[in-house]
Amino acid sequence: MASTPNPPKPIVVWITPPGPNSWKVIVVLEELSLNYRIHSFRFDDVKKPPFIDINPNGRVPAIEDPNTGITLWESGAILQYLIEVYDGAAHRLSYTGLAKRHLCNQWLHFQMSGQGPYFGQAGWFQHLHAEKIPSAIARYTAEIRRVLGVLDGVLAKKAKAEGKEAEGSAVWLVGDKMTFVDLAFLPWNFRLAEVLVQSWDEVWAGLPHARAWHERMVELPSWKRSMEHRARLMDEQGLQWNGVPKGIETFTEYEEKIARGEDTTALGK
């Protein structure tokens, strides 16, 4: 098998450390052992230069690859780029055949349109919105269960078809190996206990195949390194688990301080 080309110049990854989307990119970079550098900055600055000049939408992550001269934003587009440019020979996290390549794209689109937005809204209304709206919390909690149910059902069907129903047998979304699309689901699922305010067993109740799939990836050295980076960067910025600086109670209060031009850095120290 051909080796994965390692870029001579580090790929620069612009992130604010709390949110899951940036870590979709970081874990793939880690898994492919690529040369990269994290440019971590505060959420206060996502709508300001220089970041707004890189991503006019003011959302992380974004990358600058000096090896190709390409700048990209949107995590799904970044993943597809990394796979095409840096996994095109080895195919450690991808496939060559037409069907499997497009199945990978299918699952990536499901992650981007289904998992990410619904899980993000659940977290917002459960923890960050200024007032509790039970109907919104119930809706997005139900969507989390629905998305997890889709994943569990597909993995269960694959396990049966592949004769891998025994405990501990590895089943993946596409083909017979872990791909970048499996990893794309990892960061959002990793946060579910906090988002849902449930124990880990409650989160995965009735979802044994999805749980086993997720927990296989949690044990990856690439993921553990990614979370070590996150913990260090969160601590450097004085952030709580939800991304709000220490000393600030709600995200609304945080946004108001940003809008008034107040320095939130000292609050997090």
Protein backbone atom coordinates (compact mmCIF):
# COMPACT_ATOMS: atom_id res chain seq x y z
CA MET A 1 0.00 0.00 0.00
CA ALA A 2 1.32 3.45 -0.87
CA SER A 3 2.18 5.76 2.00
CA THR A 4 0.24 8.91 2.79
CA PRO A 5 2.15 11.99 1.55
CA ASN A 6 3.08 14.27 4.42
CA PRO A 7 3.00 17.97 3.54
CA PRO A 8 6.42 19.57 4.05
CA LYS A 9 4.82 22.79 5.34
CA PRO A 10 2.27 22.50 8.17
CA ILE A 11 -1.40 22.87 7.29
CA VAL A 12 -2.73 25.71 9.45
CA VAL A 13 -6.03 24.91 11.17
CA TRP A 14 -7.96 27.87 12.55
CA ILE A 15 -10.16 26.87 15.49
CA THR A 16 -11.91 28.08 18.59
CA PRO A 17 -11.46 25.07 20.87
CA PRO A 18 -14.92 24.37 22.40
CA GLY A 19 -17.05 23.27 19.43
CA PRO A 20 -17.04 19.75 17.94
CA ASN A 21 -16.65 20.64 14.25
CA SER A 22 -13.00 21.64 14.51
CA TRP A 23 -12.15 18.31 16.09
CA LYS A 24 -13.55 16.42 13.10
CA VAL A 25 -10.68 17.92 11.13
CA ILE A 26 -8.04 17.53 13.84
CA VAL A 27 -8.73 13.83 14.43
CA VAL A 28 -8.43 13.07 10.70
CA LEU A 29 -5.15 15.01 10.55
CA GLU A 30 -3.95 13.02 13.54
CA GLU A 31 -5.11 9.69 12.14
CA LEU A 32 -3.27 10.36 8.87
CA SER A 33 -0.20 11.63 10.80
CA LEU A 34 -0.13 14.80 8.72
CA ASN A 35 1.98 17.87 9.39
CA TYR A 36 -0.32 20.55 10.76
CA ARG A 37 -0.43 23.45 13.19
CA ILE A 38 -3.39 24.66 15.25
CA HIS A 39 -4.11 28.39 15.25
CA SER A 40 -6.37 28.70 18.29
CA PHE A 41 -8.20 31.95 18.98
CA ARG A 42 -11.12 33.18 21.05
CA PHE A 43 -14.78 32.99 20.03
CA ASP A 44 -14.89 36.77 20.59
CA ASP A 45 -12.86 37.17 17.39
CA VAL A 46 -14.66 34.91 14.90
CA LYS A 47 -16.36 37.89 13.27
CA LYS A 48 -13.24 40.04 13.14
CA PRO A 49 -10.12 40.19 10.97
CA PRO A 50 -7.98 38.30 10.35
CA PHE A 51 -10.35 35.33 10.61
CA ILE A 52 -13.26 36.95 8.79
CA ASP A 53 -10.90 37.44 5.84
CA ILE A 54 -10.35 33.68 5.76
CA ASN A 55 -13.96 32.67 6.35
CA PRO A 56 -16.53 35.42 5.65
CA ASN A 57 -19.13 33.26 7.42
CA GLY A 58 -17.20 33.62 10.69
CA ARG A 59 -17.36 29.96 11.70
CA VAL A 60 -14.63 27.46 12.53
CA PRO A 61 -12.81 25.46 11.38
CA ALA A 62 -10.90 26.80 8.40
CA ILE A 63 -7.59 25.68 6.95
CA GLU A 64 -4.77 27.27 5.03
CA ASP A 65 -2.58 24.80 3.18
CA PRO A 66 0.65 26.48 2.07
CA ASN A 67 1.59 23.35 0.14
CA THR A 68 -1.23 23.86 -2.37
CA GLY A 69 -2.15 27.50 -1.78
CA ILE A 70 -5.71 26.48 -0.88
CA THR A 71 -7.80 28.07 1.87
CA LEU A 72 -11.01 26.26 2.86
CA TRP A 73 -13.81 26.56 5.37
CA GLU A 74 -16.73 24.23 6.20
CA SER A 75 -15.57 21.09 8.00
CA GLY A 76 -17.07 18.67 5.46
CA ALA A 77 -15.32 20.38 2.57
CA ILE A 78 -12.07 20.33 4.53
CA LEU A 79 -12.39 16.59 5.19
CA GLN A 80 -13.02 15.86 1.52
CA TYR A 81 -10.00 17.96 0.58
CA LEU A 82 -7.70 16.23 3.08
CA ILE A 83 -8.81 12.81 1.86
CA GLU A 84 -8.38 13.66 -1.82
CA VAL A 85 -4.99 15.33 -1.46
CA TYR A 86 -3.40 13.41 1.39
CA ASP A 87 -5.12 10.01 1.40
CA GLY A 88 -5.45 9.58 -2.35
CA ALA A 89 -2.61 7.06 -2.55
CA ALA A 90 -2.75 5.12 0.70
CA HIS A 91 -6.54 5.14 1.21
CA ARG A 92 -6.15 4.59 4.93
CA LEU A 93 -9.46 6.35 5.60
CA SER A 94 -11.08 6.09 2.18
CA TYR A 95 -11.76 3.83 -0.80
CA THR A 96 -10.99 3.79 -4.52
CA GLY A 97 -14.19 2.23 -5.88
CA LEU A 98 -17.05 4.38 -7.15
CA ALA A 99 -19.74 2.93 -4.87
CA LYS A 100 -17.81 3.16 -1.61
CA ARG A 101 -16.49 6.63 -2.37
CA HIS A 102 -20.01 7.91 -2.85
CA LEU A 103 -21.31 6.05 0.19
CA CYS A 104 -18.66 7.88 2.20
CA ASN A 105 -19.93 11.17 0.77
CA GLN A 106 -23.50 10.15 1.59
CA TRP A 107 -22.64 9.60 5.26
CA LEU A 108 -20.63 12.81 5.41
CA HIS A 109 -23.67 14.74 4.13
CA PHE A 110 -25.85 13.02 6.73
CA GLN A 111 -23.43 14.05 9.45
CA MET A 112 -23.37 17.63 8.20
CA SER A 113 -27.13 17.99 7.67
CA GLY A 114 -28.47 15.67 10.37
CA GLN A 115 -26.16 15.05 13.28
CA GLY A 116 -24.36 18.40 13.55
CA PRO A 117 -27.32 20.83 13.30
CA TYR A 118 -29.72 18.82 15.46
CA PHE A 119 -27.16 17.99 18.13
CA GLY A 120 -26.01 21.61 18.14
CA GLN A 121 -29.56 22.92 18.59
CA ALA A 122 -30.14 20.43 21.40
CA GLY A 123 -27.05 21.74 23.17
CA TRP A 124 -28.10 25.34 22.59
CA PHE A 125 -31.60 25.01 24.03
CA GLN A 126 -30.49 22.73 26.87
CA HIS A 127 -27.55 24.82 28.06
CA LEU A 128 -27.00 28.15 26.32
CA HIS A 129 -30.35 29.75 25.46
CA ALA A 130 -31.37 32.54 27.80
CA GLU A 131 -34.66 30.87 28.72
CA LYS A 132 -35.75 27.25 28.92
CA ILE A 133 -38.15 26.30 26.12
CA PRO A 134 -39.32 22.74 26.89
CA SER A 135 -40.81 22.13 23.44
CA ALA A 136 -37.51 23.04 21.73
CA ILE A 137 -35.51 20.86 24.11
CA ALA A 138 -37.92 17.97 23.54
CA ARG A 139 -37.79 18.37 19.75
CA TYR A 140 -34.03 18.35 19.43
CA THR A 141 -33.55 15.65 22.06
CA ALA A 142 -35.91 13.50 19.98
CA GLU A 143 -33.88 14.30 16.86
CA ILE A 144 -30.71 13.13 18.60
CA ARG A 145 -32.42 9.83 19.38
CA ARG A 146 -33.64 9.56 15.79
CA VAL A 147 -30.19 10.15 14.29
CA LEU A 148 -28.60 7.70 16.71
CA GLY A 149 -31.32 5.22 15.81
CA VAL A 150 -30.50 5.52 12.11
CA LEU A 151 -26.84 4.84 12.85
CA ASP A 152 -27.61 1.92 15.14
CA GLY A 153 -30.00 0.34 12.66
CA VAL A 154 -27.52 0.54 9.78
CA LEU A 155 -24.67 -0.83 11.89
CA ALA A 156 -26.87 -3.65 13.19
CA LYS A 157 -27.88 -4.61 9.65
CA LYS A 158 -24.24 -4.56 8.51
CA ALA A 159 -23.16 -6.65 11.51
CA LYS A 160 -25.72 -9.32 10.60
CA ALA A 161 -24.84 -9.27 6.89
CA GLU A 162 -21.12 -9.49 7.62
CA GLY A 163 -21.45 -12.17 10.30
CA LYS A 164 -20.09 -9.81 12.95
CA GLU A 165 -22.83 -9.98 15.54
CA ALA A 166 -20.48 -11.24 18.23
CA GLU A 167 -19.56 -8.74 20.92
CA GLY A 168 -16.39 -6.84 20.07
CA SER A 169 -16.63 -7.34 16.31
CA ALA A 170 -15.79 -4.15 14.43
CA VAL A 171 -18.44 -2.79 12.07
CA TRP A 172 -18.08 0.48 10.16
CA LEU A 173 -20.44 2.65 8.14
CA VAL A 174 -18.82 1.93 4.77
CA GLY A 175 -17.05 -1.26 3.80
CA ASP A 176 -14.90 -3.21 6.23
CA LYS A 177 -12.69 -0.50 7.73
CA MET A 178 -12.91 2.80 9.54
CA THR A 179 -13.09 5.78 7.20
CA PHE A 180 -13.12 9.54 7.59
CA VAL A 181 -16.92 9.48 7.78
CA ASP A 182 -16.91 7.30 10.89
CA LEU A 183 -14.56 9.83 12.48
CA ALA A 184 -16.79 12.71 11.37
CA PHE A 185 -19.51 11.54 13.79
CA LEU A 186 -17.13 11.10 16.72
CA PRO A 187 -16.81 14.66 18.16
CA TRP A 188 -20.55 15.35 18.40
CA ASN A 189 -21.33 11.93 19.87
CA PHE A 190 -18.51 12.39 22.38
CA ARG A 191 -20.41 15.31 23.94
CA LEU A 192 -23.79 13.62 24.36
CA ALA A 193 -23.70 13.01 28.11
CA GLU A 194 -23.22 16.74 28.72
CA VAL A 195 -25.67 17.82 26.02
CA LEU A 196 -28.47 15.53 27.19
CA VAL A 197 -27.61 15.73 30.90
CA GLN A 198 -27.70 11.94 31.07
CA SER A 199 -25.36 9.20 32.17
CA TRP A 200 -23.37 7.43 29.46
CA ASP A 201 -25.56 4.33 29.81
CA GLU A 202 -28.71 6.42 29.44
CA VAL A 203 -27.37 8.10 26.30
CA TRP A 204 -26.81 4.77 24.56
CA ALA A 205 -29.77 2.82 25.95
CA GLY A 206 -31.16 0.57 23.22
CA LEU A 207 -28.34 1.49 20.82
CA PRO A 208 -25.72 -1.24 21.32
CA HIS A 209 -24.23 -1.19 17.83
CA ALA A 210 -23.86 2.58 17.69
CA ARG A 211 -22.35 2.59 21.17
CA ALA A 212 -19.78 -0.09 20.32
CA TRP A 213 -18.90 1.74 17.09
CA HIS A 214 -18.44 5.04 18.93
CA GLU A 215 -16.45 3.56 21.80
CA ARG A 216 -14.01 1.87 19.41
CA MET A 217 -13.10 5.29 18.06
CA VAL A 218 -12.85 6.91 21.50
CA GLU A 219 -9.95 4.53 22.22
CA LEU A 220 -7.96 5.62 19.17
CA PRO A 221 -4.60 7.27 20.00
CA SER A 222 -5.46 9.94 17.41
CA TRP A 223 -8.62 10.86 19.31
CA LYS A 224 -6.88 10.87 22.68
CA ARG A 225 -4.22 13.22 21.30
CA SER A 226 -6.95 15.44 19.85
CA MET A 227 -8.69 15.70 23.21
CA GLU A 228 -5.41 16.45 24.95
CA HIS A 229 -4.96 19.38 22.57
CA ARG A 230 -8.53 20.53 23.28
CA ALA A 231 -8.12 20.35 27.06
CA ARG A 232 -4.92 22.40 26.91
CA LEU A 233 -6.44 25.05 24.62
CA MET A 234 -9.63 25.29 26.69
CA ASP A 235 -7.54 25.78 29.82
CA GLU A 236 -5.38 28.43 28.13
CA GLN A 237 -8.51 30.44 27.33
CA GLY A 238 -10.12 29.85 30.73
CA LEU A 239 -13.21 28.21 29.27
CA GLN A 240 -15.87 26.04 30.83
CA TRP A 241 -16.84 22.77 29.07
CA ASN A 242 -19.57 24.58 27.09
CA GLY A 243 -17.22 27.24 25.74
CA VAL A 244 -18.37 30.05 28.03
CA PRO A 245 -15.52 31.76 29.94
CA LYS A 246 -15.30 31.06 33.63
CA GLY A 247 -17.09 33.78 35.56
CA ILE A 248 -19.89 34.15 32.98
CA GLU A 249 -23.15 32.31 33.61
CA THR A 250 -24.84 32.20 30.19
CA PHE A 251 -23.90 32.37 26.52
CA THR A 252 -26.27 35.32 26.12
CA GLU A 253 -24.31 37.23 28.76
CA TYR A 254 -21.11 36.29 26.93
CA GLU A 255 -22.46 37.59 23.58
CA GLU A 256 -23.63 40.82 25.21
CA LYS A 257 -20.18 41.44 26.64
CA ILE A 258 -18.63 40.81 23.22
CA ALA A 259 -21.13 43.21 21.58
CA ARG A 260 -20.22 45.92 24.12
CA GLY A 261 -16.54 45.40 23.36
CA GLU A 262 -15.73 44.23 26.88
CA ASP A 263 -12.63 42.17 27.52
CA THR A 264 -13.75 38.65 28.44
CA THR A 265 -10.20 37.31 28.68
CA ALA A 266 -9.68 38.22 32.31
CA LEU A 267 -12.96 36.57 33.30
CA GLY A 268 -11.66 33.19 32.21
CA LYS A 269 -8.40 33.29 34.15
